[in-house]
Amino acid sequence: MALELQVLTPEKKIFEGSVVSVKVPGSDGPFEVLRDHAPIMASLQNPGTLEIKDAAGQQTRFRLLGGVVEVLHNKVMVLSPGIGEEQG
């Protein structure tokens, strides 16, 4: 079983799907969320990079303009006021 991830801004849903890991730019330092991670709610660094890895090992990065992340029961929700996909 993987993680279910949603990345949202006030304007639209940026990403929704199953992923293996999520690296989050927490305001107190970056951390990685894997399956069965403890429940957490944290603020995000502005700016910061969110890194997503899917089951095939494909990585996607988004530049966040702050926000919050919530992890609960293998579901991860990232809410940010602004976001843009990064190259590389």
C-alpha atoms as a PDB file:
ATOM      1  CA  MET A   1       0.000   0.000   0.000  1.00  0.00           C
ATOM      2  CA  ALA A   2       1.232   3.471  -0.884  1.00  0.00           C
ATOM      3  CA  LEU A   3       0.475   6.940   0.390  1.00  0.00           C
ATOM      4  CA  GLU A   4      -2.448   8.908  -1.000  1.00  0.00           C
ATOM      5  CA  LEU A   5      -1.308  12.469  -1.708  1.00  0.00           C
ATOM      6  CA  GLN A   6      -3.233  15.637  -2.487  1.00  0.00           C
ATOM      7  CA  VAL A   7      -1.518  18.953  -3.239  1.00  0.00           C
ATOM      8  CA  LEU A   8      -3.940  21.884  -3.273  1.00  0.00           C
ATOM      9  CA  THR A   9      -3.903  25.651  -3.734  1.00  0.00           C
ATOM     10  CA  PRO A  10      -6.917  27.954  -3.339  1.00  0.00           C
ATOM     11  CA  GLU A  11      -7.288  27.966  -7.136  1.00  0.00           C
ATOM     12  CA  LYS A  12      -6.922  24.276  -8.047  1.00  0.00           C
ATOM     13  CA  LYS A  13      -5.812  20.747  -7.279  1.00  0.00           C
ATOM     14  CA  ILE A  14      -2.145  20.443  -8.339  1.00  0.00           C
ATOM     15  CA  PHE A  15      -1.647  16.723  -7.714  1.00  0.00           C
ATOM     16  CA  GLU A  16      -3.681  13.756  -6.545  1.00  0.00           C
ATOM     17  CA  GLY A  17      -2.564  10.145  -6.534  1.00  0.00           C
ATOM     18  CA  SER A  18      -0.629   7.303  -4.937  1.00  0.00           C
ATOM     19  CA  VAL A  19       3.031   7.871  -4.124  1.00  0.00           C
ATOM     20  CA  VAL A  20       5.797   5.982  -2.313  1.00  0.00           C
ATOM     21  CA  SER A  21       7.318   8.982  -0.526  1.00  0.00           C
ATOM     22  CA  VAL A  22       6.906  12.706  -0.047  1.00  0.00           C
ATOM     23  CA  LYS A  23       9.787  14.985   1.002  1.00  0.00           C
ATOM     24  CA  VAL A  24       8.331  18.049   2.674  1.00  0.00           C
ATOM     25  CA  PRO A  25      10.068  21.407   3.358  1.00  0.00           C
ATOM     26  CA  GLY A  26       8.934  21.819   6.962  1.00  0.00           C
ATOM     27  CA  SER A  27       9.511  25.246   8.509  1.00  0.00           C
ATOM     28  CA  ASP A  28      11.620  23.543  11.237  1.00  0.00           C
ATOM     29  CA  GLY A  29      13.516  21.505   8.643  1.00  0.00           C
ATOM     30  CA  PRO A  30      12.760  19.079   5.816  1.00  0.00           C
ATOM     31  CA  PHE A  31      11.325  15.630   6.503  1.00  0.00           C
ATOM     32  CA  GLU A  32      10.210  12.606   4.508  1.00  0.00           C
ATOM     33  CA  VAL A  33       6.828  10.908   4.796  1.00  0.00           C
ATOM     34  CA  LEU A  34       6.683   7.172   4.113  1.00  0.00           C
ATOM     35  CA  ARG A  35       3.947   4.574   4.615  1.00  0.00           C
ATOM     36  CA  ASP A  36       2.671   4.345   8.214  1.00  0.00           C
ATOM     37  CA  HIS A  37       4.176   7.710   9.200  1.00  0.00           C
ATOM     38  CA  ALA A  38       2.964   9.026  12.540  1.00  0.00           C
ATOM     39  CA  PRO A  39       0.156  11.596  12.349  1.00  0.00           C
ATOM     40  CA  ILE A  40       1.546  15.112  12.005  1.00  0.00           C
ATOM     41  CA  MET A  41       0.539  18.623  11.029  1.00  0.00           C
ATOM     42  CA  ALA A  42       3.343  21.048  10.175  1.00  0.00           C
ATOM     43  CA  SER A  43       3.879  24.437   8.587  1.00  0.00           C
ATOM     44  CA  LEU A  44       5.932  24.645   5.394  1.00  0.00           C
ATOM     45  CA  GLN A  45       8.942  26.753   4.483  1.00  0.00           C
ATOM     46  CA  ASN A  46       8.395  29.703   2.135  1.00  0.00           C
ATOM     47  CA  PRO A  47       9.754  29.084  -0.421  1.00  0.00           C
ATOM     48  CA  GLY A  48      10.447  25.368  -0.283  1.00  0.00           C
ATOM     49  CA  THR A  49      10.542  22.307  -2.522  1.00  0.00           C
ATOM     50  CA  LEU A  50       8.088  19.424  -2.268  1.00  0.00           C
ATOM     51  CA  GLU A  51       9.495  16.221  -3.763  1.00  0.00           C
ATOM     52  CA  ILE A  52       7.230  13.306  -4.718  1.00  0.00           C
ATOM     53  CA  LYS A  53       8.379   9.792  -5.667  1.00  0.00           C
ATOM     54  CA  ASP A  54       5.973   7.313  -7.306  1.00  0.00           C
ATOM     55  CA  ALA A  55       6.162   3.498  -7.374  1.00  0.00           C
ATOM     56  CA  ALA A  56       8.201   3.559 -10.610  1.00  0.00           C
ATOM     57  CA  GLY A  57      10.821   5.786  -8.967  1.00  0.00           C
ATOM     58  CA  GLN A  58       9.767   8.856 -10.977  1.00  0.00           C
ATOM     59  CA  GLN A  59      10.309  12.098  -9.072  1.00  0.00           C
ATOM     60  CA  THR A  60       8.255  15.265  -9.370  1.00  0.00           C
ATOM     61  CA  ARG A  61       9.128  18.540  -7.645  1.00  0.00           C
ATOM     62  CA  PHE A  62       6.965  21.526  -6.857  1.00  0.00           C
ATOM     63  CA  ARG A  63       8.059  24.894  -5.508  1.00  0.00           C
ATOM     64  CA  LEU A  64       5.859  25.825  -2.565  1.00  0.00           C
ATOM     65  CA  LEU A  65       5.138  29.300  -1.267  1.00  0.00           C
ATOM     66  CA  GLY A  66       4.565  28.163   2.294  1.00  0.00           C
ATOM     67  CA  GLY A  67       1.457  26.403   3.582  1.00  0.00           C
ATOM     68  CA  VAL A  68       0.777  23.355   5.744  1.00  0.00           C
ATOM     69  CA  VAL A  69       0.988  19.567   5.495  1.00  0.00           C
ATOM     70  CA  GLU A  70      -1.203  17.027   7.278  1.00  0.00           C
ATOM     71  CA  VAL A  71      -0.386  13.315   7.510  1.00  0.00           C
ATOM     72  CA  LEU A  72      -3.017  10.909   8.846  1.00  0.00           C
ATOM     73  CA  HIS A  73      -3.660   7.203   8.124  1.00  0.00           C
ATOM     74  CA  ASN A  74      -1.369   7.086   5.022  1.00  0.00           C
ATOM     75  CA  LYS A  75      -3.052  10.174   3.562  1.00  0.00           C
ATOM     76  CA  VAL A  76      -0.990  13.300   2.983  1.00  0.00           C
ATOM     77  CA  MET A  77      -2.569  16.675   2.249  1.00  0.00           C
ATOM     78  CA  VAL A  78      -0.438  19.675   1.281  1.00  0.00           C
ATOM     79  CA  LEU A  79      -2.160  23.075   1.242  1.00  0.00           C
ATOM     80  CA  SER A  80      -0.198  25.999  -0.202  1.00  0.00           C
ATOM     81  CA  PRO A  81      -1.185  29.534  -1.235  1.00  0.00           C
ATOM     82  CA  GLY A  82       0.992  29.223  -4.340  1.00  0.00           C
ATOM     83  CA  ILE A  83       2.925  26.538  -6.195  1.00  0.00           C
ATOM     84  CA  GLY A  84       4.792  25.952  -9.431  1.00  0.00           C
ATOM     85  CA  GLU A  85       6.389  22.837 -10.908  1.00  0.00           C
ATOM     86  CA  GLU A  86      10.189  22.820 -10.877  1.00  0.00           C
ATOM     87  CA  GLN A  87      12.445  21.522 -13.601  1.00  0.00           C
ATOM     88  CA  GLY A  88      14.720  18.541 -13.055  1.00  0.00           C
END
